[in-house]
Protein backbone atom coordinates (compact mmCIF):
# COMPACT_ATOMS: atom_id res chain seq x y z
CA MET A 1 -4.73 -19.99 27.37
CA VAL A 2 -5.33 -18.16 24.09
CA GLY A 3 -3.76 -14.84 23.06
CA ILE A 4 -5.91 -12.24 21.31
CA LEU A 5 -5.58 -8.55 20.40
CA CYS A 6 -7.75 -5.93 22.03
CA PRO A 7 -9.93 -4.34 19.30
CA HIS A 8 -9.48 -0.92 20.94
CA CYS A 9 -5.77 -0.62 21.79
CA ASP A 10 -4.29 -3.62 19.87
CA GLU A 11 -2.50 -4.88 23.00
CA GLU A 12 -2.27 -8.64 23.50
CA ILE A 13 -4.61 -10.23 26.04
CA GLU A 14 -4.62 -13.79 27.33
CA LEU A 15 -7.94 -15.56 27.95
CA GLU A 16 -8.80 -19.03 29.14
CA ASP A 17 -9.44 -21.64 26.45
CA GLY A 18 -13.12 -21.75 25.57
CA ALA A 19 -13.87 -18.42 27.28
CA SER A 20 -16.62 -16.31 25.73
CA GLY A 21 -18.69 -13.27 26.60
CA ASP A 22 -17.87 -9.67 27.53
CA PHE A 23 -14.42 -8.83 28.89
CA GLU A 24 -12.52 -5.73 29.97
CA CYS A 25 -9.09 -5.04 28.52
CA PRO A 26 -6.50 -4.76 31.32
CA HIS A 27 -4.53 -2.23 29.24
CA CYS A 28 -7.13 0.34 28.10
CA GLU A 29 -10.04 -0.81 30.33
CA GLU A 30 -12.41 -0.85 27.35
CA GLU A 31 -14.96 -3.66 27.04
CA PHE A 32 -14.99 -6.11 24.14
CA GLU A 33 -16.79 -9.29 23.17
CA TRP A 34 -15.04 -12.60 22.65
CA GLY A 35 -16.47 -15.82 21.30
CA GLY A 36 -15.41 -18.66 19.03
CA ASP A 37 -15.92 -17.24 15.52
CA ILE A 38 -17.11 -13.69 16.14
CA ALA A 39 -15.55 -10.93 14.05
CA PRO A 40 -14.52 -7.67 15.72
CA SER A 41 -17.34 -5.21 16.25
CA GLN A 42 -17.06 -2.47 13.64
CA GLY A 43 -19.85 0.01 14.12
CA ASN A 44 -22.63 -0.52 11.62
CA SER A 45 -21.27 -3.77 10.17
CA ASN A 46 -24.72 -5.38 10.21
CA GLY A 47 -26.35 -2.44 8.43
CA PRO A 48 -25.93 -1.12 4.90
CA MET A 49 -22.40 -0.21 3.83
CA SER A 50 -21.61 3.45 4.47
CA GLY A 51 -20.66 5.77 1.64
CA ILE A 52 -17.17 6.27 3.11
CA THR A 53 -16.56 2.51 3.28
CA ALA A 54 -17.85 1.92 -0.27
CA LEU A 55 -15.68 4.75 -1.61
CA SER A 56 -12.67 3.42 0.31
CA HIS A 57 -13.21 -0.04 -1.23
CA ALA A 58 -13.28 1.51 -4.71
CA VAL A 59 -10.23 3.72 -4.17
CA HIS A 60 -8.17 0.84 -2.76
CA ALA A 61 -9.14 -1.35 -5.73
CA LEU A 62 -8.08 1.48 -8.06
CA GLY A 63 -4.82 1.69 -6.11
CA VAL A 64 -4.08 -1.97 -6.85
CA LEU A 65 -4.72 -1.43 -10.56
CA LEU A 66 -2.55 1.69 -10.76
CA LEU A 67 0.31 0.14 -8.80
CA ILE A 68 0.38 -2.88 -11.10
CA ILE A 69 0.29 -0.62 -14.16
CA GLY A 70 2.98 1.48 -12.48
CA LEU A 71 5.43 -1.43 -12.59
CA PHE A 72 5.54 -0.96 -16.37
CA SER A 73 5.10 2.83 -16.58
CA ASP A 74 7.42 5.82 -16.40
CA TRP A 75 7.41 7.62 -13.04
CA VAL A 76 9.98 10.25 -13.98
CA VAL A 77 10.40 11.76 -17.46
CA VAL A 78 12.95 13.92 -19.24
CA LEU A 79 12.71 15.95 -22.47
CA GLY A 80 8.93 15.96 -22.47
CA GLY A 81 8.66 12.18 -22.11
CA ILE A 82 11.28 11.14 -24.69
CA ILE A 83 13.27 9.56 -21.85
CA GLY A 84 11.43 7.88 -18.99
CA PHE A 85 12.39 6.04 -15.83
CA GLY A 86 10.21 3.32 -14.31
CA PRO A 87 10.63 0.59 -11.68
CA PHE A 88 12.43 -1.77 -14.07
CA GLY A 89 14.65 0.65 -15.97
CA MET A 90 14.88 3.42 -18.53
CA SER A 91 12.88 3.81 -21.73
CA VAL A 92 13.51 5.99 -24.78
CA ASN A 93 10.63 6.92 -27.10
CA TYR A 94 11.39 8.86 -30.27
CA PHE A 95 9.24 9.24 -33.39
CA GLY A 96 7.24 6.12 -32.65
CA GLU A 97 10.30 3.99 -31.93
CA SER A 98 11.02 2.82 -28.39
CA ALA A 99 13.77 1.00 -26.56
CA THR A 100 14.20 -0.05 -22.93
CA ILE A 101 17.17 -0.90 -20.77
CA SER A 102 16.92 -2.43 -17.30
CA TRP A 103 18.76 -1.19 -14.23
CA PHE A 104 20.91 -4.32 -14.29
CA GLU A 105 21.88 -3.72 -17.94
CA MET A 106 22.67 -0.07 -17.19
CA PHE A 107 24.90 -1.14 -14.31
CA THR A 108 26.71 -3.68 -16.54
CA TYR A 109 27.23 -1.46 -19.59
CA LEU A 110 27.59 2.01 -18.07
CA GLY A 111 29.16 1.12 -14.73
CA GLY A 112 30.31 4.11 -12.71
CA GLU A 113 29.01 6.63 -15.25
CA SER A 114 25.49 6.29 -13.81
CA ILE A 115 26.12 4.72 -10.42
CA ALA A 116 23.74 7.08 -8.59
CA ALA A 117 20.88 6.38 -10.99
CA ASN A 118 21.57 2.63 -10.90
CA ILE A 119 21.51 2.38 -7.10
CA ALA A 120 18.44 4.61 -6.87
CA GLY A 121 16.76 2.64 -9.66
CA MET A 122 17.30 -0.73 -8.03
CA LEU A 123 16.03 0.51 -4.67
CA PHE A 124 13.11 2.11 -6.49
CA MET A 125 12.28 -1.23 -8.09
CA VAL A 126 12.25 -2.99 -4.70
CA LEU A 127 10.05 -0.30 -3.14
CA ALA A 128 7.59 -0.40 -6.05
CA ILE A 129 7.25 -4.18 -5.70
CA ILE A 130 6.72 -3.87 -1.93
CA ALA A 131 4.04 -1.24 -2.57
CA VAL A 132 2.17 -3.58 -4.93
CA ILE A 133 2.37 -6.49 -2.48
CA SER A 134 1.20 -4.31 0.43
CA GLN A 135 -1.74 -3.02 -1.58
CA ILE A 136 -2.81 -6.51 -2.67
CA ILE A 137 -2.59 -7.77 0.93
CA HIS A 138 -4.67 -4.80 2.08
CA VAL A 139 -7.43 -5.51 -0.44
CA ALA A 140 -7.37 -9.19 0.56
CA PHE A 141 -7.87 -8.10 4.19
CA ARG A 142 -10.80 -5.91 3.13
CA ILE A 143 -12.42 -8.82 1.33
CA MET A 144 -11.96 -11.07 4.36
CA LEU A 145 -13.54 -8.52 6.70
CA HIS A 146 -16.44 -7.87 4.34
CA MET A 147 -17.12 -11.60 3.96
CA THR A 148 -16.89 -12.07 7.73
CA GLU A 149 -19.34 -9.26 8.40
CA SER A 150 -21.78 -10.62 5.80
CA GLY A 151 -21.61 -14.10 7.37
CA SER A 152 -20.15 -15.81 4.29
CA LEU A 153 -16.78 -16.44 5.98
CA GLU A 154 -15.95 -17.57 9.51
CA ILE A 155 -12.56 -16.81 11.03
CA SER A 156 -11.33 -16.85 14.60
CA MET A 157 -11.55 -13.71 16.71
CA GLU A 158 -7.75 -13.54 16.91
CA MET A 159 -7.42 -13.72 13.12
CA ALA A 160 -10.11 -11.09 12.66
CA TYR A 161 -8.30 -8.71 15.03
CA ARG A 162 -5.01 -9.20 13.22
CA VAL A 163 -6.65 -8.54 9.84
CA TYR A 164 -8.34 -5.46 11.28
CA LYS A 165 -5.05 -4.18 12.74
CA TYR A 166 -2.81 -4.75 9.72
CA ARG A 167 -5.38 -3.35 7.30
CA TRP A 168 -4.25 0.17 8.22
CA ILE A 169 -0.53 -0.67 8.08
CA THR A 170 -0.70 -2.21 4.60
CA SER A 171 -2.64 0.76 3.20
CA LEU A 172 -0.08 3.20 4.61
CA ALA A 173 2.87 1.04 3.47
CA ALA A 174 1.75 1.25 -0.17
CA LEU A 175 1.80 5.06 0.01
CA VAL A 176 5.10 5.33 1.91
CA CYS A 177 6.92 2.91 -0.43
CA SER A 178 5.56 4.64 -3.54
CA VAL A 179 6.56 8.13 -2.37
CA ALA A 180 9.99 6.90 -1.21
CA GLY A 181 10.54 5.13 -4.53
CA TYR A 182 9.57 8.20 -6.53
CA LEU A 183 11.85 10.47 -4.48
CA LEU A 184 14.75 8.04 -4.90
CA ILE A 185 14.49 7.89 -8.68
CA GLN A 186 13.82 11.63 -8.94
CA ILE A 187 16.95 12.49 -6.93
CA GLY A 188 18.99 9.76 -8.62
CA THR A 189 18.20 11.03 -12.12
CA LEU A 190 18.79 14.66 -11.15
CA VAL A 191 22.22 13.78 -9.78
CA SER A 192 23.11 11.47 -12.67
CA LEU A 193 21.91 13.67 -15.53
CA ALA A 194 23.02 16.93 -13.85
CA GLY A 195 21.05 18.93 -16.42
CA ASP A 196 22.99 17.49 -19.39
CA VAL A 197 19.82 16.51 -21.26
CA GLY A 198 17.34 18.52 -19.23
CA PHE A 199 15.86 18.12 -15.79
CA SER A 200 13.65 15.21 -14.79
CA ARG A 201 10.10 15.73 -13.56
CA PRO A 202 7.30 13.47 -12.28
CA SER A 203 5.08 11.95 -14.94
CA LEU A 204 1.34 12.60 -14.95
CA PHE A 205 0.87 8.92 -14.09
CA VAL A 206 2.85 9.09 -10.85
CA VAL A 207 1.05 12.28 -9.80
CA MET A 208 -2.27 10.48 -10.25
CA LEU A 209 -0.98 7.35 -8.48
CA ILE A 210 0.27 9.19 -5.40
CA GLY A 211 -2.94 11.23 -5.31
CA VAL A 212 -5.01 8.01 -5.23
CA LEU A 213 -2.80 6.49 -2.51
CA ILE A 214 -3.09 9.62 -0.37
CA GLY A 215 -6.85 9.48 -0.88
CA GLN A 216 -7.06 5.87 0.27
CA VAL A 217 -5.09 6.58 3.45
CA TYR A 218 -7.40 9.52 4.19
CA LEU A 219 -10.45 7.30 3.67
CA MET A 220 -8.91 4.65 5.96
CA HIS A 221 -8.60 7.34 8.62
CA GLN A 222 -12.25 8.29 8.14
CA GLU A 223 -13.28 4.63 8.43
CA GLY A 224 -11.33 4.41 11.67
CA LEU A 225 -13.18 7.41 13.07
CA MET A 226 -16.52 5.82 12.13
CA GLU A 227 -15.59 2.54 13.83
CA GLN A 228 -14.64 4.09 17.17
């Protein structure tokens, strides 16, 4: 027996080894095709790429680039950008001079004086890294599906279904982790600074990043509607 995922409801189905042809899912009663190295049917996969799909490819690629840049950029700023907080720590920029301190260094040197910001910062760092990894995996899944549809790559039906299923999850995970990370560092800095040197606000970069990630999830939803 071989276990596969239904392309309609994502429930697991068991088929006999070597079975091929048209089958009906016992869970959703929808029909699907199974055969050795056939990719899941996805609407107009044999025709020209739709505008929605092409735009989604581009936006997801931009998301990878921005998330990688975001690892080394300020997500929250104070005093008009003089002080910034990013995934790996705090930066100070003043009259062309800059200095950075990591969350680990802040925890060592400042201790309890900035415990809220330190904890939030370290969790923020983990979430930002997870967002990057999720986005890269998602783009890799897109490339695999595109190559499969074009005939330049052959993968098993089970693998194709899993790629198709987790494509949505990885796109959403990048957005959720990014928003959660931003909220953590925003709240952490507000609590830690308490208005002593001004109030923190999101940087223009993080506004653009989250906007792009929201856009890619919306486009994924539109792709899903087209593929039904």
